[in-house]
Amino acid sequence: MRLYGEWVDRLAKISKMALDAGIEERTVRVAEEMGTFIVATVNRVLVRIGTPKDKIIEARSLLAAEFRAVRDPATLT
């Protein structure tokens, strides 16, 4: 029990250090950057293959909806 208590205390200290270091904020920022990269890449591909502008706008809307759906696994089919 003493070792378990020491482990819990150590875990709490490490967790606080990670929060203080901004790990959670950085993780969110990286995820946002990845989303931006994916959307920009898809957009460039659509432009390069000559997709009409109205279809590119539609594709952006669909991508946004799909990214939102990924957050909620219940919506995935």
Protein backbone atom coordinates (compact mmCIF):
# COMPACT_ATOMS: atom_id res chain seq x y z
CA MET A 1 0.00 0.00 0.00
CA ARG A 2 2.89 2.32 0.76
CA LEU A 3 4.36 1.76 -2.72
CA TYR A 4 0.98 2.31 -4.29
CA GLY A 5 0.63 5.58 -2.40
CA GLU A 6 4.08 6.68 -3.56
CA TRP A 7 3.15 5.78 -7.15
CA VAL A 8 -0.06 7.83 -6.96
CA ASP A 9 1.85 10.79 -5.52
CA ARG A 10 4.47 10.54 -8.26
CA LEU A 11 1.77 10.32 -10.92
CA ALA A 12 0.04 13.41 -9.53
CA LYS A 13 3.33 15.36 -9.60
CA ILE A 14 4.09 14.32 -13.18
CA SER A 15 0.56 15.18 -14.29
CA LYS A 16 0.82 18.63 -12.72
CA MET A 17 4.19 19.16 -14.40
CA ALA A 18 2.69 18.26 -17.78
CA LEU A 19 -0.24 20.63 -17.28
CA ASP A 20 2.11 23.38 -16.13
CA ALA A 21 4.21 22.80 -19.24
CA GLY A 22 1.15 23.36 -21.45
CA ILE A 23 1.06 19.85 -22.89
CA GLU A 24 -2.72 19.86 -23.28
CA GLU A 25 -2.71 23.24 -25.03
CA ARG A 26 0.08 22.13 -27.35
CA THR A 27 -1.78 18.91 -28.19
CA VAL A 28 -4.82 20.96 -29.21
CA ARG A 29 -2.66 23.28 -31.29
CA VAL A 30 -1.04 20.34 -33.11
CA ALA A 31 -4.46 18.83 -33.84
CA GLU A 32 -5.68 22.16 -35.24
CA GLU A 33 -2.57 22.44 -37.42
CA MET A 34 -3.11 18.91 -38.73
CA GLY A 35 -6.72 19.76 -39.62
CA THR A 36 -5.59 22.90 -41.44
CA PHE A 37 -2.96 20.90 -43.32
CA ILE A 38 -5.46 18.26 -44.40
CA VAL A 39 -8.03 20.80 -45.60
CA ALA A 40 -5.39 22.83 -47.46
CA THR A 41 -4.03 19.70 -49.13
CA VAL A 42 -7.47 18.53 -50.24
CA ASN A 43 -8.25 22.04 -51.50
CA ARG A 44 -5.02 22.15 -53.56
CA VAL A 45 -5.77 18.74 -55.07
CA LEU A 46 -9.30 19.79 -56.00
CA VAL A 47 -7.99 22.95 -57.66
CA ARG A 48 -5.28 21.04 -59.54
CA ILE A 49 -7.76 18.56 -61.00
CA GLY A 50 -9.98 21.39 -62.17
CA THR A 51 -12.87 21.03 -59.75
CA PRO A 52 -15.41 23.84 -60.21
CA LYS A 53 -15.37 26.49 -57.46
CA ASP A 54 -18.89 25.63 -56.24
CA LYS A 55 -17.85 21.98 -55.79
CA ILE A 56 -14.73 23.05 -53.86
CA ILE A 57 -16.94 25.06 -51.52
CA GLU A 58 -19.22 22.04 -51.13
CA ALA A 59 -16.21 19.81 -50.42
CA ARG A 60 -14.99 22.20 -47.70
CA SER A 61 -18.39 22.06 -46.05
CA LEU A 62 -18.42 18.26 -46.22
CA LEU A 63 -14.90 18.05 -44.79
CA ALA A 64 -15.89 20.29 -41.87
CA ALA A 65 -18.94 18.12 -41.19
CA GLU A 66 -16.85 14.95 -41.33
CA PHE A 67 -14.23 16.36 -38.96
CA ARG A 68 -17.00 17.24 -36.51
CA ALA A 69 -18.44 13.74 -36.88
CA VAL A 70 -15.10 12.14 -36.05
CA ARG A 71 -15.28 13.83 -32.64
CA ASP A 72 -18.46 11.86 -31.97
CA PRO A 73 -17.93 8.16 -32.79
CA ALA A 74 -21.70 7.55 -32.53
CA THR A 75 -22.12 9.43 -35.82
CA LEU A 76 -19.65 7.28 -37.76
CA THR A 77 -21.01 4.67 -40.14
